[in-house]
Amino acid sequence: MPKKKSLPVVYKPIGFLLGWTSGTVAGMAFQKTWKMIRHEDDAPDALDRNRGWGEVLLAAAVQGAIFAVVRSAVDRAGATAIERSTGTWPGDGKGGRD
């Protein structure tokens, strides 16, 4: 079964591309979401003196949630596509993030 041993090496560049793509998509989704929530183009930065703790932490929580959901969806879709095309799941079976 050499396919199972070589798959993680083959999947690494695909995983990198999926990670980059998910970060880009999540960033765009966060900007649109923030604009809907606060009607502002830019979310507060942690070092923005003119923003309160609540605004900064809300922005961080929303951004983190969006990034986690998008990354998981993209990772799962990529793994499913690899399994369909090769018959092998790209993970080691242990679960959890690397």
N, C-alpha and C. Protein backbone atom coordinates (compact mmCIF):
# COMPACT_ATOMS: atom_id res chain seq x y z
N MET A 1 0.80 -1.18 0.00
CA MET A 1 0.00 0.00 0.00
C MET A 1 0.86 1.26 0.00
N PRO A 2 1.68 1.51 -1.01
CA PRO A 2 2.52 2.70 -1.03
C PRO A 2 1.72 3.98 -1.12
N LYS A 3 0.51 3.92 -1.65
CA LYS A 3 -0.31 5.12 -1.80
C LYS A 3 -0.55 5.78 -0.43
N LYS A 4 -0.82 5.00 0.60
CA LYS A 4 -1.09 5.56 1.91
C LYS A 4 0.13 6.25 2.50
N LYS A 5 1.33 5.73 2.25
CA LYS A 5 2.53 6.34 2.79
C LYS A 5 2.91 7.61 2.04
N SER A 6 2.66 7.67 0.75
CA SER A 6 3.06 8.84 -0.02
C SER A 6 2.01 9.95 0.01
N LEU A 7 0.79 9.64 0.40
CA LEU A 7 -0.28 10.64 0.37
C LEU A 7 -0.01 11.86 1.24
N PRO A 8 0.45 11.73 2.49
CA PRO A 8 0.69 12.94 3.27
C PRO A 8 1.68 13.90 2.61
N VAL A 9 2.70 13.39 1.94
CA VAL A 9 3.66 14.26 1.26
C VAL A 9 2.98 14.97 0.09
N VAL A 10 2.16 14.25 -0.63
CA VAL A 10 1.45 14.84 -1.76
C VAL A 10 0.41 15.84 -1.27
N TYR A 11 -0.20 15.56 -0.13
CA TYR A 11 -1.26 16.41 0.38
C TYR A 11 -0.74 17.72 0.97
N LYS A 12 0.51 17.77 1.40
CA LYS A 12 1.05 18.97 2.04
C LYS A 12 0.91 20.23 1.18
N PRO A 13 1.32 20.21 -0.10
CA PRO A 13 1.13 21.43 -0.89
C PRO A 13 -0.35 21.76 -1.10
N ILE A 14 -1.17 20.74 -1.22
CA ILE A 14 -2.61 20.98 -1.37
C ILE A 14 -3.15 21.58 -0.07
N GLY A 15 -2.73 21.04 1.06
CA GLY A 15 -3.16 21.57 2.35
C GLY A 15 -2.72 23.01 2.55
N PHE A 16 -1.50 23.33 2.10
CA PHE A 16 -1.01 24.71 2.20
C PHE A 16 -1.88 25.64 1.37
N LEU A 17 -2.18 25.24 0.15
CA LEU A 17 -3.02 26.05 -0.73
C LEU A 17 -4.42 26.21 -0.14
N LEU A 18 -4.97 25.14 0.41
CA LEU A 18 -6.29 25.22 1.04
C LEU A 18 -6.26 26.15 2.25
N GLY A 19 -5.18 26.10 3.03
CA GLY A 19 -5.05 26.98 4.19
C GLY A 19 -4.98 28.44 3.79
N TRP A 20 -4.21 28.72 2.75
CA TRP A 20 -4.09 30.10 2.26
C TRP A 20 -5.44 30.59 1.75
N THR A 21 -6.12 29.73 1.00
CA THR A 21 -7.43 30.08 0.45
C THR A 21 -8.44 30.32 1.58
N SER A 22 -8.43 29.44 2.58
CA SER A 22 -9.39 29.61 3.66
C SER A 22 -9.13 30.89 4.45
N GLY A 23 -7.87 31.27 4.61
CA GLY A 23 -7.54 32.53 5.29
C GLY A 23 -8.05 33.73 4.52
N THR A 24 -7.91 33.68 3.22
CA THR A 24 -8.38 34.78 2.37
C THR A 24 -9.91 34.89 2.42
N VAL A 25 -10.57 33.75 2.28
CA VAL A 25 -12.04 33.74 2.31
C VAL A 25 -12.55 34.19 3.68
N ALA A 26 -11.90 33.72 4.74
CA ALA A 26 -12.32 34.10 6.10
C ALA A 26 -12.12 35.59 6.33
N GLY A 27 -11.04 36.15 5.83
CA GLY A 27 -10.80 37.59 5.97
C GLY A 27 -11.88 38.41 5.29
N MET A 28 -12.27 38.00 4.10
CA MET A 28 -13.34 38.70 3.39
C MET A 28 -14.67 38.54 4.12
N ALA A 29 -14.94 37.34 4.62
CA ALA A 29 -16.19 37.10 5.34
C ALA A 29 -16.24 37.93 6.62
N PHE A 30 -15.09 38.03 7.31
CA PHE A 30 -15.06 38.83 8.54
C PHE A 30 -15.31 40.30 8.25
N GLN A 31 -14.70 40.83 7.20
CA GLN A 31 -14.92 42.24 6.87
C GLN A 31 -16.38 42.52 6.58
N LYS A 32 -17.03 41.64 5.83
CA LYS A 32 -18.45 41.83 5.52
C LYS A 32 -19.30 41.69 6.78
N THR A 33 -18.96 40.73 7.62
CA THR A 33 -19.70 40.52 8.86
C THR A 33 -19.56 41.72 9.78
N TRP A 34 -18.33 42.22 9.91
CA TRP A 34 -18.11 43.37 10.79
C TRP A 34 -18.89 44.58 10.29
N LYS A 35 -18.93 44.76 8.98
CA LYS A 35 -19.66 45.89 8.42
C LYS A 35 -21.16 45.76 8.73
N MET A 36 -21.68 44.53 8.72
CA MET A 36 -23.09 44.31 9.06
C MET A 36 -23.34 44.55 10.54
N ILE A 37 -22.40 44.15 11.39
CA ILE A 37 -22.58 44.28 12.84
C ILE A 37 -22.47 45.74 13.28
N ARG A 38 -21.40 46.41 12.87
CA ARG A 38 -21.11 47.76 13.38
C ARG A 38 -21.24 48.88 12.35
N HIS A 39 -21.53 48.54 11.10
CA HIS A 39 -21.66 49.54 10.04
C HIS A 39 -20.37 50.36 9.89
N GLU A 40 -19.25 49.68 10.03
CA GLU A 40 -17.93 50.30 9.86
C GLU A 40 -17.13 49.45 8.88
N ASP A 41 -16.24 50.10 8.12
CA ASP A 41 -15.41 49.37 7.17
C ASP A 41 -14.27 48.62 7.86
N ASP A 42 -13.74 49.18 8.94
CA ASP A 42 -12.60 48.57 9.60
C ASP A 42 -12.95 48.14 11.02
N ALA A 43 -12.53 46.93 11.36
CA ALA A 43 -12.70 46.44 12.73
C ALA A 43 -11.64 47.07 13.61
N PRO A 44 -11.92 47.18 14.90
CA PRO A 44 -10.92 47.77 15.79
C PRO A 44 -9.71 46.88 15.96
N ASP A 45 -8.59 47.52 16.07
CA ASP A 45 -7.33 46.84 16.35
C ASP A 45 -7.10 46.88 17.85
N ALA A 46 -6.42 45.90 18.38
CA ALA A 46 -6.17 45.85 19.83
C ALA A 46 -5.41 47.08 20.33
N LEU A 47 -4.63 47.71 19.47
CA LEU A 47 -3.84 48.86 19.88
C LEU A 47 -4.49 50.20 19.54
N ASP A 48 -5.73 50.16 19.09
CA ASP A 48 -6.45 51.38 18.77
C ASP A 48 -6.91 52.04 20.07
N ARG A 49 -6.32 53.14 20.42
CA ARG A 49 -6.60 53.83 21.68
C ARG A 49 -8.04 54.33 21.77
N ASN A 50 -8.64 54.60 20.63
CA ASN A 50 -9.99 55.17 20.60
C ASN A 50 -11.10 54.13 20.70
N ARG A 51 -10.75 52.88 20.82
CA ARG A 51 -11.76 51.81 20.92
C ARG A 51 -11.73 51.21 22.31
N GLY A 52 -12.88 50.82 22.79
CA GLY A 52 -12.98 50.22 24.11
C GLY A 52 -12.69 48.72 24.09
N TRP A 53 -12.54 48.18 25.30
CA TRP A 53 -12.27 46.75 25.44
C TRP A 53 -13.37 45.92 24.78
N GLY A 54 -14.59 46.29 24.98
CA GLY A 54 -15.71 45.52 24.44
C GLY A 54 -15.67 45.41 22.93
N GLU A 55 -15.41 46.53 22.26
CA GLU A 55 -15.33 46.52 20.79
C GLU A 55 -14.19 45.64 20.31
N VAL A 56 -13.04 45.80 20.94
CA VAL A 56 -11.85 45.05 20.53
C VAL A 56 -12.07 43.55 20.73
N LEU A 57 -12.59 43.17 21.89
CA LEU A 57 -12.80 41.76 22.17
C LEU A 57 -13.92 41.16 21.33
N LEU A 58 -14.97 41.93 21.07
CA LEU A 58 -16.03 41.45 20.18
C LEU A 58 -15.48 41.18 18.79
N ALA A 59 -14.70 42.10 18.27
CA ALA A 59 -14.10 41.92 16.94
C ALA A 59 -13.22 40.68 16.91
N ALA A 60 -12.41 40.49 17.95
CA ALA A 60 -11.52 39.33 18.00
C ALA A 60 -12.31 38.02 18.06
N ALA A 61 -13.39 38.01 18.85
CA ALA A 61 -14.20 36.80 18.98
C ALA A 61 -14.90 36.45 17.67
N VAL A 62 -15.46 37.46 17.02
CA VAL A 62 -16.14 37.22 15.74
C VAL A 62 -15.14 36.75 14.69
N GLN A 63 -14.00 37.41 14.63
CA GLN A 63 -12.98 37.03 13.67
C GLN A 63 -12.48 35.61 13.91
N GLY A 64 -12.23 35.26 15.16
CA GLY A 64 -11.77 33.91 15.48
C GLY A 64 -12.78 32.84 15.12
N ALA A 65 -14.04 33.11 15.40
CA ALA A 65 -15.08 32.14 15.06
C ALA A 65 -15.20 31.94 13.56
N ILE A 66 -15.16 33.03 12.82
CA ILE A 66 -15.26 32.93 11.36
C ILE A 66 -14.07 32.17 10.79
N PHE A 67 -12.87 32.49 11.25
CA PHE A 67 -11.68 31.81 10.75
C PHE A 67 -11.74 30.31 11.05
N ALA A 68 -12.18 29.94 12.25
CA ALA A 68 -12.24 28.52 12.61
C ALA A 68 -13.26 27.77 11.76
N VAL A 69 -14.41 28.36 11.54
CA VAL A 69 -15.45 27.71 10.74
C VAL A 69 -15.00 27.56 9.29
N VAL A 70 -14.46 28.63 8.72
CA VAL A 70 -14.03 28.57 7.31
C VAL A 70 -12.89 27.58 7.14
N ARG A 71 -11.92 27.61 8.05
CA ARG A 71 -10.79 26.68 7.94
C ARG A 71 -11.25 25.24 8.04
N SER A 72 -12.13 24.95 8.98
CA SER A 72 -12.64 23.59 9.12
C SER A 72 -13.42 23.14 7.89
N ALA A 73 -14.24 24.02 7.36
CA ALA A 73 -15.03 23.68 6.16
C ALA A 73 -14.12 23.41 4.97
N VAL A 74 -13.11 24.24 4.77
CA VAL A 74 -12.20 24.07 3.64
C VAL A 74 -11.34 22.81 3.84
N ASP A 75 -10.83 22.59 5.05
CA ASP A 75 -10.04 21.39 5.33
C ASP A 75 -10.86 20.12 5.09
N ARG A 76 -12.09 20.14 5.57
CA ARG A 76 -12.95 18.96 5.43
C ARG A 76 -13.29 18.70 3.96
N ALA A 77 -13.59 19.75 3.22
CA ALA A 77 -13.89 19.59 1.79
C ALA A 77 -12.67 19.07 1.04
N GLY A 78 -11.48 19.57 1.37
CA GLY A 78 -10.26 19.10 0.72
C GLY A 78 -9.98 17.64 1.04
N ALA A 79 -10.14 17.25 2.29
CA ALA A 79 -9.91 15.86 2.68
C ALA A 79 -10.91 14.92 2.00
N THR A 80 -12.15 15.37 1.92
CA THR A 80 -13.17 14.56 1.25
C THR A 80 -12.85 14.39 -0.23
N ALA A 81 -12.39 15.46 -0.88
CA ALA A 81 -12.02 15.37 -2.30
C ALA A 81 -10.84 14.44 -2.50
N ILE A 82 -9.85 14.50 -1.60
CA ILE A 82 -8.69 13.60 -1.71
C ILE A 82 -9.13 12.15 -1.53
N GLU A 83 -10.01 11.92 -0.56
CA GLU A 83 -10.47 10.54 -0.34
C GLU A 83 -11.25 10.02 -1.55
N ARG A 84 -12.07 10.87 -2.14
CA ARG A 84 -12.83 10.44 -3.32
C ARG A 84 -11.91 10.12 -4.50
N SER A 85 -10.85 10.91 -4.65
CA SER A 85 -9.99 10.71 -5.82
C SER A 85 -8.93 9.63 -5.60
N THR A 86 -8.52 9.39 -4.35
CA THR A 86 -7.46 8.41 -4.11
C THR A 86 -7.91 7.20 -3.31
N GLY A 87 -9.05 7.32 -2.62
CA GLY A 87 -9.50 6.24 -1.77
C GLY A 87 -8.86 6.24 -0.40
N THR A 88 -8.04 7.25 -0.11
CA THR A 88 -7.33 7.34 1.16
C THR A 88 -7.61 8.68 1.83
N TRP A 89 -7.94 8.63 3.12
CA TRP A 89 -8.14 9.85 3.89
C TRP A 89 -6.78 10.45 4.21
N PRO A 90 -6.58 11.77 4.02
CA PRO A 90 -5.26 12.36 4.17
C PRO A 90 -4.76 12.49 5.62
N GLY A 91 -5.59 12.31 6.61
CA GLY A 91 -5.15 12.44 8.00
C GLY A 91 -4.55 11.16 8.53
N ASP A 92 -3.98 11.24 9.72
CA ASP A 92 -3.38 10.06 10.33
C ASP A 92 -4.39 9.26 11.15
N GLY A 93 -5.62 9.72 11.22
CA GLY A 93 -6.66 9.02 11.94
C GLY A 93 -6.74 9.35 13.42
N LYS A 94 -5.83 10.15 13.92
CA LYS A 94 -5.81 10.49 15.34
C LYS A 94 -6.74 11.66 15.65
N GLY A 95 -7.02 12.49 14.68
CA GLY A 95 -7.87 13.66 14.89
C GLY A 95 -7.10 14.80 15.52
N GLY A 96 -7.76 15.93 15.66
CA GLY A 96 -7.12 17.11 16.26
C GLY A 96 -6.35 17.91 15.24
N ARG A 97 -6.06 19.15 15.59
CA ARG A 97 -5.30 20.05 14.72
C ARG A 97 -3.81 19.83 14.90
N ASP A 98 -3.08 20.15 13.84
CA ASP A 98 -1.61 20.04 13.95
C ASP A 98 -1.03 21.29 14.53
